[in-house]
Structures are given as C-alpha cells and as structure tokens.
C-alpha cells in the first residue's frame, strides 16, 4: 500500500510506493536535531514527486552527500535526496506523512553528531 506526504503549504507532494514503515530513525546531527526529523529511507524507484519540483530549493552541508530539499514557500523539508551503498535513495520526513502515527513507530536513535 502506498503512502503520500507533502510540505506544509501543499505545494510539494509525493507518493512512496511501499507500505508505511513501522520503524524510523531519529538523528541528533546539527541538521536533523534542530528540525526534529523522523526519517525513513526508500529506494528512488519507490518515490514519486507528484507536484512542486519548481518549488524545491536545495541545501547542502557537511560532506554534501545528501541534498536536503525544502519548499521555497513554507520552508518544509518533506524529503531529501541521497545515495546509500544500495544506490540512490530518498529520505522521507515522516512528520510530513499524515497517515503515519509517529508515536506508534519504533524509533532507532542515530548518533549523527559523532559522524
């Protein structure tokens, strides 16, 4: 079953062709920690950007391995682009997916501040 998400204003929308996750990641790096992300990662072929490509602005930091993309209207980062050892992926900010109950997820804490 697919799930969908969006930025706050709705200009950027996406669909993930996979079941909603039961687990997610919380990272304490300077970026994720400040924004409170709860993340899951999906292969690029399971991700569809449905609207708002022209609304996206990129942000890179540290090693520039992940392209953080946020809506230029509302400032929300609903997802990011990157590469993993398995290939190109999308990091989905599950706080931008209304159908996911964040409190029901098993959260894996990652010490990104130590990377």
PDB file of N, CA and C in Angstrom:
ATOM      1  N   UNK A   1       0.846  -1.181   0.000  1.00  0.00           N
ATOM      2  CA  UNK A   1       0.000   0.000   0.000  1.00  0.00           C
ATOM      3  C   UNK A   1       0.888   1.240   0.000  1.00  0.00           C
ATOM      4  N   UNK A   2       0.647   2.157  -0.867  1.00  0.00           N
ATOM      5  CA  UNK A   2       1.432   3.384  -0.978  1.00  0.00           C
ATOM      6  C   UNK A   2       1.017   4.384   0.105  1.00  0.00           C
ATOM      7  N   UNK A   3       1.921   5.331   0.379  1.00  0.00           N
ATOM      8  CA  UNK A   3       1.595   6.418   1.281  1.00  0.00           C
ATOM      9  C   UNK A   3       2.074   7.728   0.664  1.00  0.00           C
ATOM     10  N   UNK A   4       1.441   8.829   1.078  1.00  0.00           N
ATOM     11  CA  UNK A   4       1.722  10.134   0.486  1.00  0.00           C
ATOM     12  C   UNK A   4       2.043  11.157   1.562  1.00  0.00           C
ATOM     13  N   UNK A   5       2.764  12.200   1.134  1.00  0.00           N
ATOM     14  CA  UNK A   5       3.100  13.277   2.043  1.00  0.00           C
ATOM     15  C   UNK A   5       3.223  14.586   1.296  1.00  0.00           C
ATOM     16  N   UNK A   6       3.474  15.645   2.060  1.00  0.00           N
ATOM     17  CA  UNK A   6       3.580  16.971   1.446  1.00  0.00           C
ATOM     18  C   UNK A   6       4.305  17.916   2.394  1.00  0.00           C
ATOM     19  N   UNK A   7       4.675  19.049   1.830  1.00  0.00           N
ATOM     20  CA  UNK A   7       5.168  20.138   2.662  1.00  0.00           C
ATOM     21  C   UNK A   7       3.969  20.758   3.384  1.00  0.00           C
ATOM     22  N   UNK A   8       4.201  21.754   4.209  1.00  0.00           N
ATOM     23  CA  UNK A   8       3.124  22.361   4.997  1.00  0.00           C
ATOM     24  C   UNK A   8       2.068  23.047   4.132  1.00  0.00           C
ATOM     25  N   UNK A   9       2.499  23.788   3.124  1.00  0.00           N
ATOM     26  CA  UNK A   9       1.536  24.532   2.297  1.00  0.00           C
ATOM     27  C   UNK A   9       0.910  23.685   1.203  1.00  0.00           C
ATOM     28  N   UNK A  10       1.431  22.484   0.962  1.00  0.00           N
ATOM     29  CA  UNK A  10       0.857  21.589  -0.040  1.00  0.00           C
ATOM     30  C   UNK A  10       1.384  21.771  -1.444  1.00  0.00           C
ATOM     31  N   UNK A  11       2.328  22.670  -1.644  1.00  0.00           N
ATOM     32  CA  UNK A  11       2.882  22.878  -2.983  1.00  0.00           C
ATOM     33  C   UNK A  11       3.720  21.686  -3.443  1.00  0.00           C
ATOM     34  N   UNK A  12       4.425  21.041  -2.508  1.00  0.00           N
ATOM     35  CA  UNK A  12       5.264  19.877  -2.806  1.00  0.00           C
ATOM     36  C   UNK A  12       4.552  18.641  -2.269  1.00  0.00           C
ATOM     37  N   UNK A  13       4.236  17.710  -3.174  1.00  0.00           N
ATOM     38  CA  UNK A  13       3.584  16.466  -2.770  1.00  0.00           C
ATOM     39  C   UNK A  13       4.346  15.286  -3.346  1.00  0.00           C
ATOM     40  N   UNK A  14       4.290  14.169  -2.628  1.00  0.00           N
ATOM     41  CA  UNK A  14       4.997  12.970  -3.075  1.00  0.00           C
ATOM     42  C   UNK A  14       4.222  11.726  -2.665  1.00  0.00           C
ATOM     43  N   UNK A  15       4.553  10.611  -3.335  1.00  0.00           N
ATOM     44  CA  UNK A  15       3.993   9.311  -3.018  1.00  0.00           C
ATOM     45  C   UNK A  15       5.132   8.312  -2.935  1.00  0.00           C
ATOM     46  N   UNK A  16       5.052   7.417  -1.968  1.00  0.00           N
ATOM     47  CA  UNK A  16       6.006   6.318  -1.832  1.00  0.00           C
ATOM     48  C   UNK A  16       5.249   5.032  -2.108  1.00  0.00           C
ATOM     49  N   UNK A  17       5.726   4.267  -3.076  1.00  0.00           N
ATOM     50  CA  UNK A  17       5.093   3.013  -3.460  1.00  0.00           C
ATOM     51  C   UNK A  17       5.634   1.883  -2.579  1.00  0.00           C
ATOM     52  N   UNK A  18       5.225   1.904  -1.332  1.00  0.00           N
ATOM     53  CA  UNK A  18       5.621   0.897  -0.340  1.00  0.00           C
ATOM     54  C   UNK A  18       4.670   1.023   0.841  1.00  0.00           C
ATOM     55  N   UNK A  19       4.653   0.005   1.677  1.00  0.00           N
ATOM     56  CA  UNK A  19       3.858   0.076   2.893  1.00  0.00           C
ATOM     57  C   UNK A  19       4.459   1.125   3.827  1.00  0.00           C
ATOM     58  N   UNK A  20       3.637   1.813   4.589  1.00  0.00           N
ATOM     59  CA  UNK A  20       4.177   2.742   5.581  1.00  0.00           C
ATOM     60  C   UNK A  20       5.077   1.974   6.556  1.00  0.00           C
ATOM     61  N   UNK A  21       6.176   2.572   6.985  1.00  0.00           N
ATOM     62  CA  UNK A  21       7.113   1.857   7.848  1.00  0.00           C
ATOM     63  C   UNK A  21       6.595   1.708   9.275  1.00  0.00           C
ATOM     64  N   UNK A  22       7.101   0.692   9.946  1.00  0.00           N
ATOM     65  CA  UNK A  22       6.817   0.511  11.363  1.00  0.00           C
ATOM     66  C   UNK A  22       7.970   1.005  12.214  1.00  0.00           C
ATOM     67  N   UNK A  23       9.094   1.293  11.547  1.00  0.00           N
ATOM     68  CA  UNK A  23      10.287   1.789  12.222  1.00  0.00           C
ATOM     69  C   UNK A  23      10.759   3.057  11.528  1.00  0.00           C
ATOM     70  N   UNK A  24      11.487   3.868  12.257  1.00  0.00           N
ATOM     71  CA  UNK A  24      12.047   5.092  11.685  1.00  0.00           C
ATOM     72  C   UNK A  24      13.308   5.458  12.445  1.00  0.00           C
ATOM     73  N   UNK A  25      13.989   6.475  11.960  1.00  0.00           N
ATOM     74  CA  UNK A  25      15.250   6.912  12.530  1.00  0.00           C
ATOM     75  C   UNK A  25      15.126   8.342  13.047  1.00  0.00           C
ATOM     76  N   UNK A  26      15.731   8.578  14.186  1.00  0.00           N
ATOM     77  CA  UNK A  26      15.852   9.926  14.732  1.00  0.00           C
ATOM     78  C   UNK A  26      17.341  10.189  14.895  1.00  0.00           C
ATOM     79  N   UNK A  27      17.833  11.231  14.257  1.00  0.00           N
ATOM     80  CA  UNK A  27      19.263  11.548  14.247  1.00  0.00           C
ATOM     81  C   UNK A  27      19.504  12.822  15.058  1.00  0.00           C
ATOM     82  N   UNK A  28      20.628  12.858  15.761  1.00  0.00           N
ATOM     83  CA  UNK A  28      20.938  14.033  16.575  1.00  0.00           C
ATOM     84  C   UNK A  28      21.976  14.952  15.931  1.00  0.00           C
ATOM     85  N   UNK A  29      22.200  14.815  14.625  1.00  0.00           N
ATOM     86  CA  UNK A  29      23.143  15.732  13.967  1.00  0.00           C
ATOM     87  C   UNK A  29      22.596  17.158  14.032  1.00  0.00           C
ATOM     88  N   UNK A  30      23.424  18.119  13.713  1.00  0.00           N
ATOM     89  CA  UNK A  30      23.019  19.518  13.838  1.00  0.00           C
ATOM     90  C   UNK A  30      21.799  19.858  12.981  1.00  0.00           C
ATOM     91  N   UNK A  31      21.644  19.207  11.853  1.00  0.00           N
ATOM     92  CA  UNK A  31      20.512  19.495  10.959  1.00  0.00           C
ATOM     93  C   UNK A  31      19.232  18.795  11.428  1.00  0.00           C
ATOM     94  N   UNK A  32      19.288  17.474  11.544  1.00  0.00           N
ATOM     95  CA  UNK A  32      18.099  16.697  11.919  1.00  0.00           C
ATOM     96  C   UNK A  32      17.592  17.071  13.310  1.00  0.00           C
ATOM     97  N   UNK A  33      18.530  17.252  14.240  1.00  0.00           N
ATOM     98  CA  UNK A  33      18.138  17.583  15.601  1.00  0.00           C
ATOM     99  C   UNK A  33      17.400  18.895  15.702  1.00  0.00           C
ATOM    100  N   UNK A  34      17.850  19.889  14.972  1.00  0.00           N
ATOM    101  CA  UNK A  34      17.190  21.204  15.010  1.00  0.00           C
ATOM    102  C   UNK A  34      15.794  21.147  14.394  1.00  0.00           C
ATOM    103  N   UNK A  35      15.625  20.305  13.390  1.00  0.00           N
ATOM    104  CA  UNK A  35      14.344  20.250  12.680  1.00  0.00           C
ATOM    105  C   UNK A  35      13.414  19.160  13.198  1.00  0.00           C
ATOM    106  N   UNK A  36      13.922  18.252  14.037  1.00  0.00           N
ATOM    107  CA  UNK A  36      13.060  17.227  14.623  1.00  0.00           C
ATOM    108  C   UNK A  36      12.612  16.151  13.648  1.00  0.00           C
ATOM    109  N   UNK A  37      13.435  15.860  12.665  1.00  0.00           N
ATOM    110  CA  UNK A  37      13.062  14.862  11.662  1.00  0.00           C
ATOM    111  C   UNK A  37      12.872  13.477  12.285  1.00  0.00           C
ATOM    112  N   UNK A  38      11.928  12.743  11.738  1.00  0.00           N
ATOM    113  CA  UNK A  38      11.752  11.314  11.945  1.00  0.00           C
ATOM    114  C   UNK A  38      11.790  10.743  10.540  1.00  0.00           C
ATOM    115  N   UNK A  39      12.829   9.948  10.250  1.00  0.00           N
ATOM    116  CA  UNK A  39      13.139   9.579   8.867  1.00  0.00           C
ATOM    117  C   UNK A  39      12.989   8.095   8.571  1.00  0.00           C
ATOM    118  N   UNK A  40      12.613   7.827   7.342  1.00  0.00           N
ATOM    119  CA  UNK A  40      12.713   6.501   6.759  1.00  0.00           C
ATOM    120  C   UNK A  40      13.365   6.676   5.400  1.00  0.00           C
ATOM    121  N   UNK A  41      13.978   5.628   4.907  1.00  0.00           N
ATOM    122  CA  UNK A  41      14.714   5.699   3.648  1.00  0.00           C
ATOM    123  C   UNK A  41      14.125   4.711   2.657  1.00  0.00           C
ATOM    124  N   UNK A  42      13.928   5.180   1.420  1.00  0.00           N
ATOM    125  CA  UNK A  42      13.354   4.316   0.381  1.00  0.00           C
ATOM    126  C   UNK A  42      14.188   4.428  -0.893  1.00  0.00           C
ATOM    127  N   UNK A  43      14.251   3.337  -1.668  1.00  0.00           N
ATOM    128  CA  UNK A  43      14.934   3.413  -2.959  1.00  0.00           C
ATOM    129  C   UNK A  43      14.231   4.413  -3.871  1.00  0.00           C
ATOM    130  N   UNK A  44      14.994   5.055  -4.726  1.00  0.00           N
ATOM    131  CA  UNK A  44      14.441   6.107  -5.588  1.00  0.00           C
ATOM    132  C   UNK A  44      13.292   5.595  -6.468  1.00  0.00           C
ATOM    133  N   UNK A  45      13.335   4.320  -6.854  1.00  0.00           N
ATOM    134  CA  UNK A  45      12.273   3.812  -7.731  1.00  0.00           C
ATOM    135  C   UNK A  45      10.935   3.634  -7.007  1.00  0.00           C
ATOM    136  N   UNK A  46      10.905   3.771  -5.687  1.00  0.00           N
ATOM    137  CA  UNK A  46       9.652   3.724  -4.938  1.00  0.00           C
ATOM    138  C   UNK A  46       9.099   5.123  -4.652  1.00  0.00           C
ATOM    139  N   UNK A  47       9.817   6.155  -5.054  1.00  0.00           N
ATOM    140  CA  UNK A  47       9.451   7.536  -4.748  1.00  0.00           C
ATOM    141  C   UNK A  47       8.973   8.261  -6.003  1.00  0.00           C
ATOM    142  N   UNK A  48       7.859   8.967  -5.873  1.00  0.00           N
ATOM    143  CA  UNK A  48       7.362   9.814  -6.973  1.00  0.00           C
ATOM    144  C   UNK A  48       7.105  11.216  -6.438  1.00  0.00           C
ATOM    145  N   UNK A  49       7.717  12.201  -7.068  1.00  0.00           N
ATOM    146  CA  UNK A  49       7.407  13.593  -6.752  1.00  0.00           C
ATOM    147  C   UNK A  49       6.189  13.947  -7.589  1.00  0.00           C
ATOM    148  N   UNK A  50       5.061  14.160  -6.937  1.00  0.00           N
ATOM    149  CA  UNK A  50       3.798  14.375  -7.641  1.00  0.00           C
ATOM    150  C   UNK A  50       3.596  15.824  -8.053  1.00  0.00           C
ATOM    151  N   UNK A  51       4.084  16.743  -7.252  1.00  0.00           N
ATOM    152  CA  UNK A  51       3.965  18.166  -7.604  1.00  0.00           C
ATOM    153  C   UNK A  51       5.012  18.965  -6.845  1.00  0.00           C
ATOM    154  N   UNK A  52       5.337  20.126  -7.388  1.00  0.00           N
ATOM    155  CA  UNK A  52       6.170  21.081  -6.688  1.00  0.00           C
ATOM    156  C   UNK A  52       7.648  21.075  -6.995  1.00  0.00           C
ATOM    157  N   UNK A  53       8.073  20.377  -8.032  1.00  0.00           N
ATOM    158  CA  UNK A  53       9.507  20.358  -8.351  1.00  0.00           C
ATOM    159  C   UNK A  53      10.065  21.774  -8.463  1.00  0.00           C
ATOM    160  N   UNK A  54       9.308  22.678  -9.054  1.00  0.00           N
ATOM    161  CA  UNK A  54       9.766  24.062  -9.238  1.00  0.00           C
ATOM    162  C   UNK A  54       9.786  24.841  -7.925  1.00  0.00           C
ATOM    163  N   UNK A  55       9.158  24.303  -6.879  1.00  0.00           N
ATOM    164  CA  UNK A  55       9.130  24.960  -5.564  1.00  0.00           C
ATOM    165  C   UNK A  55      10.308  24.556  -4.685  1.00  0.00           C
ATOM    166  N   UNK A  56      11.069  23.532  -5.091  1.00  0.00           N
ATOM    167  CA  UNK A  56      12.123  22.999  -4.238  1.00  0.00           C
ATOM    168  C   UNK A  56      13.412  23.790  -4.326  1.00  0.00           C
ATOM    169  N   UNK A  57      14.020  23.990  -3.183  1.00  0.00           N
ATOM    170  CA  UNK A  57      15.319  24.640  -3.063  1.00  0.00           C
ATOM    171  C   UNK A  57      16.240  23.670  -2.337  1.00  0.00           C
ATOM    172  N   UNK A  58      17.492  23.601  -2.773  1.00  0.00           N
ATOM    173  CA  UNK A  58      18.454  22.664  -2.197  1.00  0.00           C
ATOM    174  C   UNK A  58      19.266  23.287  -1.071  1.00  0.00           C
ATOM    175  N   UNK A  59      19.644  22.441  -0.110  1.00  0.00           N
ATOM    176  CA  UNK A  59      20.557  22.829   0.945  1.00  0.00           C
ATOM    177  C   UNK A  59      21.536  21.679   1.154  1.00  0.00           C
ATOM    178  N   UNK A  60      22.827  21.997   1.133  1.00  0.00           N
ATOM    179  CA  UNK A  60      23.883  21.011   1.351  1.00  0.00           C
ATOM    180  C   UNK A  60      24.739  21.453   2.532  1.00  0.00           C
ATOM    181  N   UNK A  61      25.213  20.490   3.321  1.00  0.00           N
ATOM    182  CA  UNK A  61      26.147  20.807   4.393  1.00  0.00           C
ATOM    183  C   UNK A  61      27.034  19.598   4.632  1.00  0.00           C
ATOM    184  N   UNK A  62      27.984  19.745   5.501  1.00  0.00           N
ATOM    185  CA  UNK A  62      28.951  18.723   5.885  1.00  0.00           C
ATOM    186  C   UNK A  62      29.615  18.134   4.636  1.00  0.00           C
ATOM    187  N   UNK A  63      29.417  16.869   4.331  1.00  0.00           N
ATOM    188  CA  UNK A  63      30.099  16.238   3.196  1.00  0.00           C
ATOM    189  C   UNK A  63      29.324  16.345   1.885  1.00  0.00           C
ATOM    190  N   UNK A  64      28.181  17.003   1.899  1.00  0.00           N
ATOM    191  CA  UNK A  64      27.347  17.207   0.707  1.00  0.00           C
ATOM    192  C   UNK A  64      26.869  15.891   0.098  1.00  0.00           C
ATOM    193  N   UNK A  65      26.682  14.865   0.930  1.00  0.00           N
ATOM    194  CA  UNK A  65      26.202  13.574   0.451  1.00  0.00           C
ATOM    195  C   UNK A  65      24.689  13.521   0.315  1.00  0.00           C
ATOM    196  N   UNK A  66      24.016  14.386   1.035  1.00  0.00           N
ATOM    197  CA  UNK A  66      22.556  14.415   0.999  1.00  0.00           C
ATOM    198  C   UNK A  66      22.119  15.796   0.531  1.00  0.00           C
ATOM    199  N   UNK A  67      21.243  15.816  -0.447  1.00  0.00           N
ATOM    200  CA  UNK A  67      20.671  17.069  -0.919  1.00  0.00           C
ATOM    201  C   UNK A  67      19.348  17.270  -0.194  1.00  0.00           C
ATOM    202  N   UNK A  68      19.355  18.151   0.775  1.00  0.00           N
ATOM    203  CA  UNK A  68      18.145  18.477   1.519  1.00  0.00           C
ATOM    204  C   UNK A  68      17.329  19.414   0.638  1.00  0.00           C
ATOM    205  N   UNK A  69      16.074  19.074   0.438  1.00  0.00           N
ATOM    206  CA  UNK A  69      15.213  19.887  -0.422  1.00  0.00           C
ATOM    207  C   UNK A  69      14.042  20.398   0.386  1.00  0.00           C
ATOM    208  N   UNK A  70      13.825  21.701   0.315  1.00  0.00           N
ATOM    209  CA  UNK A  70      12.714  22.264   1.054  1.00  0.00           C
ATOM    210  C   UNK A  70      11.889  23.173   0.163  1.00  0.00           C
ATOM    211  N   UNK A  71      10.636  23.337   0.537  1.00  0.00           N
ATOM    212  CA  UNK A  71       9.702  24.171  -0.216  1.00  0.00           C
ATOM    213  C   UNK A  71      10.068  25.637  -0.014  1.00  0.00           C
ATOM    214  N   UNK A  72      10.219  26.358  -1.102  1.00  0.00           N
ATOM    215  CA  UNK A  72      10.594  27.765  -1.016  1.00  0.00           C
ATOM    216  C   UNK A  72       9.457  28.646  -0.490  1.00  0.00           C
ATOM    217  N   UNK A  73       8.227  28.110  -0.444  1.00  0.00           N
ATOM    218  CA  UNK A  73       7.105  28.891   0.080  1.00  0.00           C
ATOM    219  C   UNK A  73       6.979  28.738   1.595  1.00  0.00           C
ATOM    220  N   UNK A  74       6.919  27.488   2.093  1.00  0.00           N
ATOM    221  CA  UNK A  74       6.680  27.283   3.528  1.00  0.00           C
ATOM    222  C   UNK A  74       7.921  26.843   4.302  1.00  0.00           C
ATOM    223  N   UNK A  75       8.988  26.460   3.600  1.00  0.00           N
ATOM    224  CA  UNK A  75      10.238  26.091   4.263  1.00  0.00           C
ATOM    225  C   UNK A  75      10.312  24.666   4.775  1.00  0.00           C
ATOM    226  N   UNK A  76       9.308  23.853   4.497  1.00  0.00           N
ATOM    227  CA  UNK A  76       9.279  22.480   4.990  1.00  0.00           C
ATOM    228  C   UNK A  76      10.150  21.567   4.140  1.00  0.00           C
ATOM    229  N   UNK A  77      10.946  20.718   4.816  1.00  0.00           N
ATOM    230  CA  UNK A  77      11.705  19.681   4.119  1.00  0.00           C
ATOM    231  C   UNK A  77      10.959  18.360   4.284  1.00  0.00           C
ATOM    232  N   UNK A  78      10.237  17.964   3.258  1.00  0.00           N
ATOM    233  CA  UNK A  78       9.453  16.735   3.300  1.00  0.00           C
ATOM    234  C   UNK A  78      10.288  15.510   2.950  1.00  0.00           C
ATOM    235  N   UNK A  79      11.377  15.714   2.206  1.00  0.00           N
ATOM    236  CA  UNK A  79      12.254  14.615   1.823  1.00  0.00           C
ATOM    237  C   UNK A  79      13.610  15.171   1.422  1.00  0.00           C
ATOM    238  N   UNK A  80      14.572  14.272   1.297  1.00  0.00           N
ATOM    239  CA  UNK A  80      15.911  14.629   0.829  1.00  0.00           C
ATOM    240  C   UNK A  80      16.360  13.575  -0.181  1.00  0.00           C
ATOM    241  N   UNK A  81      17.312  13.955  -1.012  1.00  0.00           N
ATOM    242  CA  UNK A  81      17.893  13.026  -2.000  1.00  0.00           C
ATOM    243  C   UNK A  81      19.291  12.640  -1.546  1.00  0.00           C
ATOM    244  N   UNK A  82      19.657  11.385  -1.772  1.00  0.00           N
ATOM    245  CA  UNK A  82      20.999  10.956  -1.415  1.00  0.00           C
ATOM    246  C   UNK A  82      21.336   9.615  -2.021  1.00  0.00           C
ATOM    247  N   UNK A  83      22.512   9.122  -1.652  1.00  0.00           N
ATOM    248  CA  UNK A  83      22.964   7.819  -2.111  1.00  0.00           C
ATOM    249  C   UNK A  83      23.347   6.980  -0.917  1.00  0.00           C
ATOM    250  N   UNK A  84      23.017   5.715  -0.999  1.00  0.00           N
ATOM    251  CA  UNK A  84      23.405   4.740   0.011  1.00  0.00           C
ATOM    252  C   UNK A  84      24.240   3.678  -0.691  1.00  0.00           C
ATOM    253  N   UNK A  85      24.808   2.735   0.035  1.00  0.00           N
ATOM    254  CA  UNK A  85      25.543   1.655  -0.636  1.00  0.00           C
ATOM    255  C   UNK A  85      24.668   0.861  -1.617  1.00  0.00           C
ATOM    256  N   UNK A  86      23.346   0.886  -1.409  1.00  0.00           N
ATOM    257  CA  UNK A  86      22.426   0.171  -2.290  1.00  0.00           C
ATOM    258  C   UNK A  86      22.003   1.005  -3.505  1.00  0.00           C
ATOM    259  N   UNK A  87      22.395   2.267  -3.560  1.00  0.00           N
ATOM    260  CA  UNK A  87      22.043   3.123  -4.690  1.00  0.00           C
ATOM    261  C   UNK A  87      21.328   4.387  -4.264  1.00  0.00           C
ATOM    262  N   UNK A  88      20.754   5.066  -5.243  1.00  0.00           N
ATOM    263  CA  UNK A  88      20.074   6.329  -4.973  1.00  0.00           C
ATOM    264  C   UNK A  88      18.846   6.087  -4.108  1.00  0.00           C
ATOM    265  N   UNK A  89      18.626   6.997  -3.152  1.00  0.00           N
ATOM    266  CA  UNK A  89      17.505   6.855  -2.225  1.00  0.00           C
ATOM    267  C   UNK A  89      16.874   8.205  -1.931  1.00  0.00           C
ATOM    268  N   UNK A  90      15.748   8.131  -1.242  1.00  0.00           N
ATOM    269  CA  UNK A  90      15.075   9.309  -0.720  1.00  0.00           C
ATOM    270  C   UNK A  90      14.908   9.127   0.780  1.00  0.00           C
ATOM    271  N   UNK A  91      15.219  10.157   1.518  1.00  0.00           N
ATOM    272  CA  UNK A  91      14.993  10.176   2.963  1.00  0.00           C
ATOM    273  C   UNK A  91      13.659  10.894   3.184  1.00  0.00           C
ATOM    274  N   UNK A  92      12.691  10.176   3.686  1.00  0.00           N
ATOM    275  CA  UNK A  92      11.344  10.716   3.863  1.00  0.00           C
ATOM    276  C   UNK A  92      11.182  11.215   5.291  1.00  0.00           C
ATOM    277  N   UNK A  93      10.791  12.465   5.424  1.00  0.00           N
ATOM    278  CA  UNK A  93      10.474  13.041   6.728  1.00  0.00           C
ATOM    279  C   UNK A  93       9.060  12.604   7.084  1.00  0.00           C
ATOM    280  N   UNK A  94       8.946  11.607   7.940  1.00  0.00           N
ATOM    281  CA  UNK A  94       7.633  11.038   8.246  1.00  0.00           C
ATOM    282  C   UNK A  94       6.713  12.014   8.968  1.00  0.00           C
ATOM    283  N   UNK A  95       7.246  13.095   9.484  1.00  0.00           N
ATOM    284  CA  UNK A  95       6.377  14.126  10.065  1.00  0.00           C
ATOM    285  C   UNK A  95       5.545  14.828   8.980  1.00  0.00           C
ATOM    286  N   UNK A  96       5.897  14.595   7.724  1.00  0.00           N
ATOM    287  CA  UNK A  96       5.171  15.181   6.590  1.00  0.00           C
ATOM    288  C   UNK A  96       4.224  14.179   5.942  1.00  0.00           C
ATOM    289  N   UNK A  97       4.007  13.045   6.595  1.00  0.00           N
ATOM    290  CA  UNK A  97       3.113  11.999   6.091  1.00  0.00           C
ATOM    291  C   UNK A  97       1.959  11.860   7.090  1.00  0.00           C
ATOM    292  N   UNK A  98       0.808  12.464   6.797  1.00  0.00           N
ATOM    293  CA  UNK A  98      -0.294  12.486   7.760  1.00  0.00           C
ATOM    294  C   UNK A  98      -0.796  11.108   8.193  1.00  0.00           C
ATOM    295  N   UNK A  99      -0.682  10.100   7.339  1.00  0.00           N
ATOM    296  CA  UNK A  99      -1.217   8.779   7.679  1.00  0.00           C
ATOM    297  C   UNK A  99      -0.316   7.989   8.628  1.00  0.00           C
ATOM    298  N   UNK A 100       0.900   8.464   8.891  1.00  0.00           N
ATOM    299  CA  UNK A 100       1.820   7.761   9.783  1.00  0.00           C
ATOM    300  C   UNK A 100       1.675   8.312  11.203  1.00  0.00           C
ATOM    301  N   UNK A 101       1.445   7.393  12.149  1.00  0.00           N
ATOM    302  CA  UNK A 101       1.367   7.751  13.564  1.00  0.00           C
ATOM    303  C   UNK A 101       2.780   7.690  14.134  1.00  0.00           C
ATOM    304  N   UNK A 102       3.407   8.829  14.294  1.00  0.00           N
ATOM    305  CA  UNK A 102       4.797   8.902  14.765  1.00  0.00           C
ATOM    306  C   UNK A 102       4.949   8.188  16.117  1.00  0.00           C
ATOM    307  N   UNK A 103       3.970   8.321  16.997  1.00  0.00           N
ATOM    308  CA  UNK A 103       4.057   7.724  18.330  1.00  0.00           C
ATOM    309  C   UNK A 103       4.002   6.194  18.295  1.00  0.00           C
ATOM    310  N   UNK A 104       3.509   5.609  17.198  1.00  0.00           N
ATOM    311  CA  UNK A 104       3.420   4.155  17.082  1.00  0.00           C
ATOM    312  C   UNK A 104       4.682   3.536  16.481  1.00  0.00           C
ATOM    313  N   UNK A 105       5.599   4.364  15.972  1.00  0.00           N
ATOM    314  CA  UNK A 105       6.811   3.855  15.327  1.00  0.00           C
ATOM    315  C   UNK A 105       7.855   3.407  16.346  1.00  0.00           C
ATOM    316  N   UNK A 106       8.591   2.388  15.980  1.00  0.00           N
ATOM    317  CA  UNK A 106       9.782   2.016  16.737  1.00  0.00           C
ATOM    318  C   UNK A 106      10.891   2.941  16.241  1.00  0.00           C
ATOM    319  N   UNK A 107      11.456   3.755  17.116  1.00  0.00           N
ATOM    320  CA  UNK A 107      12.437   4.764  16.720  1.00  0.00           C
ATOM    321  C   UNK A 107      13.849   4.276  17.028  1.00  0.00           C
ATOM    322  N   UNK A 108      14.676   4.253  15.979  1.00  0.00           N
ATOM    323  CA  UNK A 108      16.093   3.942  16.126  1.00  0.00           C
ATOM    324  C   UNK A 108      16.826   5.275  16.252  1.00  0.00           C
ATOM    325  N   UNK A 109      17.544   5.458  17.345  1.00  0.00           N
ATOM    326  CA  UNK A 109      18.306   6.693  17.540  1.00  0.00           C
ATOM    327  C   UNK A 109      19.687   6.540  16.917  1.00  0.00           C
ATOM    328  N   UNK A 110      20.071   7.530  16.132  1.00  0.00           N
ATOM    329  CA  UNK A 110      21.359   7.519  15.445  1.00  0.00           C
ATOM    330  C   UNK A 110      22.193   8.707  15.953  1.00  0.00           C
ATOM    331  N   UNK A 111      23.431   8.434  16.305  1.00  0.00           N
ATOM    332  CA  UNK A 111      24.327   9.479  16.811  1.00  0.00           C
ATOM    333  C   UNK A 111      25.045  10.163  15.647  1.00  0.00           C
ATOM    334  N   UNK A 112      24.279  10.869  14.824  1.00  0.00           N
ATOM    335  CA  UNK A 112      24.850  11.571  13.679  1.00  0.00           C
ATOM    336  C   UNK A 112      25.785  12.698  14.079  1.00  0.00           C
ATOM    337  N   UNK A 113      25.668  13.182  15.280  1.00  0.00           N
ATOM    338  CA  UNK A 113      26.559  14.248  15.751  1.00  0.00           C
ATOM    339  C   UNK A 113      27.999  13.755  15.843  1.00  0.00           C
ATOM    340  N   UNK A 114      28.197  12.448  15.911  1.00  0.00           N
ATOM    341  CA  UNK A 114      29.535  11.874  16.011  1.00  0.00           C
ATOM    342  C   UNK A 114      30.134  11.468  14.662  1.00  0.00           C
ATOM    343  N   UNK A 115      29.384  11.640  13.582  1.00  0.00           N
ATOM    344  CA  UNK A 115      29.892  11.240  12.260  1.00  0.00           C
ATOM    345  C   UNK A 115      31.003  12.161  11.827  1.00  0.00           C
TER     346      UNK A 115
END
